[in-house]
């Protein structure tokens, strides 16, 4: 079986604020719309670290050119 390079990620992002003592703290979760898997994060920094890790993993698996895939850019926001 040939491993496919996936150069697209989609998540449902949820953010909410909670009180911790006398300060507000942001919590986050990501849900994969395909599998339904949900990952929760105690801090926004942990969310960003996870996303950075996922991008680095995808970068190491190969590029579009190596996989023979040509991606058409979509419209830019505001178009």
C-alpha atoms as a PDB file:
ATOM      1  CA  UNK A   1       0.000   0.000   0.000  1.00  0.00           C
ATOM      2  CA  UNK A   2       1.331   3.438  -0.939  1.00  0.00           C
ATOM      3  CA  UNK A   3       1.341   6.008   1.861  1.00  0.00           C
ATOM      4  CA  UNK A   4      -0.379   9.209   0.791  1.00  0.00           C
ATOM      5  CA  UNK A   5       0.908  12.617   1.762  1.00  0.00           C
ATOM      6  CA  UNK A   6      -1.856  14.738   3.186  1.00  0.00           C
ATOM      7  CA  UNK A   7      -1.171  18.422   2.694  1.00  0.00           C
ATOM      8  CA  UNK A   8      -4.451  19.612   4.090  1.00  0.00           C
ATOM      9  CA  UNK A   9      -5.708  19.701   7.654  1.00  0.00           C
ATOM     10  CA  UNK A  10      -9.180  20.583   8.836  1.00  0.00           C
ATOM     11  CA  UNK A  11     -10.302  20.953  12.435  1.00  0.00           C
ATOM     12  CA  UNK A  12     -13.247  22.338  14.309  1.00  0.00           C
ATOM     13  CA  UNK A  13     -11.692  24.732  16.825  1.00  0.00           C
ATOM     14  CA  UNK A  14     -13.448  25.532  20.090  1.00  0.00           C
ATOM     15  CA  UNK A  15     -12.214  28.219  22.479  1.00  0.00           C
ATOM     16  CA  UNK A  16     -13.683  29.112  25.852  1.00  0.00           C
ATOM     17  CA  UNK A  17     -12.684  31.105  28.892  1.00  0.00           C
ATOM     18  CA  UNK A  18     -12.674  29.777  32.453  1.00  0.00           C
ATOM     19  CA  UNK A  19     -11.908  31.375  35.791  1.00  0.00           C
ATOM     20  CA  UNK A  20      -8.781  30.174  37.580  1.00  0.00           C
ATOM     21  CA  UNK A  21      -8.701  31.948  40.878  1.00  0.00           C
ATOM     22  CA  UNK A  22      -8.815  35.636  40.071  1.00  0.00           C
ATOM     23  CA  UNK A  23      -7.818  35.366  36.403  1.00  0.00           C
ATOM     24  CA  UNK A  24      -9.419  34.234  33.162  1.00  0.00           C
ATOM     25  CA  UNK A  25      -7.734  31.412  31.243  1.00  0.00           C
ATOM     26  CA  UNK A  26      -8.470  30.301  27.711  1.00  0.00           C
ATOM     27  CA  UNK A  27      -9.038  26.606  27.007  1.00  0.00           C
ATOM     28  CA  UNK A  28      -9.229  25.021  23.564  1.00  0.00           C
ATOM     29  CA  UNK A  29     -10.159  21.855  21.743  1.00  0.00           C
ATOM     30  CA  UNK A  30      -9.730  20.596  18.202  1.00  0.00           C
ATOM     31  CA  UNK A  31     -12.063  18.080  16.631  1.00  0.00           C
ATOM     32  CA  UNK A  32     -11.307  16.159  13.470  1.00  0.00           C
ATOM     33  CA  UNK A  33     -14.470  16.413  11.344  1.00  0.00           C
ATOM     34  CA  UNK A  34     -13.673  13.115   9.586  1.00  0.00           C
ATOM     35  CA  UNK A  35     -13.046  10.868  12.582  1.00  0.00           C
ATOM     36  CA  UNK A  36     -14.768  12.860  15.326  1.00  0.00           C
ATOM     37  CA  UNK A  37     -11.594  12.617  17.443  1.00  0.00           C
ATOM     38  CA  UNK A  38     -11.369  15.507  19.896  1.00  0.00           C
ATOM     39  CA  UNK A  39      -8.218  16.801  21.586  1.00  0.00           C
ATOM     40  CA  UNK A  40      -8.419  19.238  24.503  1.00  0.00           C
ATOM     41  CA  UNK A  41      -5.791  21.777  25.527  1.00  0.00           C
ATOM     42  CA  UNK A  42      -5.339  23.437  28.915  1.00  0.00           C
ATOM     43  CA  UNK A  43      -3.695  26.483  27.335  1.00  0.00           C
ATOM     44  CA  UNK A  44      -3.661  28.242  23.992  1.00  0.00           C
ATOM     45  CA  UNK A  45       0.119  27.753  23.984  1.00  0.00           C
ATOM     46  CA  UNK A  46      -0.397  23.976  24.156  1.00  0.00           C
ATOM     47  CA  UNK A  47      -2.809  24.232  21.201  1.00  0.00           C
ATOM     48  CA  UNK A  48      -0.227  26.147  19.144  1.00  0.00           C
ATOM     49  CA  UNK A  49       2.503  23.654  20.079  1.00  0.00           C
ATOM     50  CA  UNK A  50       0.304  20.760  18.913  1.00  0.00           C
ATOM     51  CA  UNK A  51      -0.477  22.468  15.597  1.00  0.00           C
ATOM     52  CA  UNK A  52       3.216  23.252  15.055  1.00  0.00           C
ATOM     53  CA  UNK A  53       4.070  19.600  15.745  1.00  0.00           C
ATOM     54  CA  UNK A  54       1.464  18.420  13.225  1.00  0.00           C
ATOM     55  CA  UNK A  55       2.839  20.749  10.550  1.00  0.00           C
ATOM     56  CA  UNK A  56       6.396  19.597  11.202  1.00  0.00           C
ATOM     57  CA  UNK A  57       5.340  15.950  10.919  1.00  0.00           C
ATOM     58  CA  UNK A  58       3.625  16.680   7.601  1.00  0.00           C
ATOM     59  CA  UNK A  59       6.711  18.546   6.376  1.00  0.00           C
ATOM     60  CA  UNK A  60       8.927  15.521   7.064  1.00  0.00           C
ATOM     61  CA  UNK A  61       6.611  13.141   5.185  1.00  0.00           C
ATOM     62  CA  UNK A  62       7.216  14.868   1.868  1.00  0.00           C
ATOM     63  CA  UNK A  63       6.190  17.728  -0.309  1.00  0.00           C
ATOM     64  CA  UNK A  64       3.517  18.112  -2.962  1.00  0.00           C
ATOM     65  CA  UNK A  65       6.114  17.698  -5.698  1.00  0.00           C
ATOM     66  CA  UNK A  66       7.470  14.464  -4.212  1.00  0.00           C
ATOM     67  CA  UNK A  67       3.957  13.033  -3.947  1.00  0.00           C
ATOM     68  CA  UNK A  68       3.087  14.073  -7.504  1.00  0.00           C
ATOM     69  CA  UNK A  69       0.207  16.191  -6.272  1.00  0.00           C
ATOM     70  CA  UNK A  70      -0.665  19.594  -7.661  1.00  0.00           C
ATOM     71  CA  UNK A  71      -2.832  21.718  -5.395  1.00  0.00           C
ATOM     72  CA  UNK A  72      -4.865  24.527  -6.874  1.00  0.00           C
ATOM     73  CA  UNK A  73      -4.886  27.563  -4.576  1.00  0.00           C
ATOM     74  CA  UNK A  74      -8.312  28.639  -3.425  1.00  0.00           C
ATOM     75  CA  UNK A  75      -9.619  32.170  -3.264  1.00  0.00           C
ATOM     76  CA  UNK A  76      -7.967  34.446  -0.760  1.00  0.00           C
ATOM     77  CA  UNK A  77     -10.161  35.727   2.073  1.00  0.00           C
ATOM     78  CA  UNK A  78     -12.189  38.727   1.007  1.00  0.00           C
ATOM     79  CA  UNK A  79     -12.439  37.737  -2.658  1.00  0.00           C
END
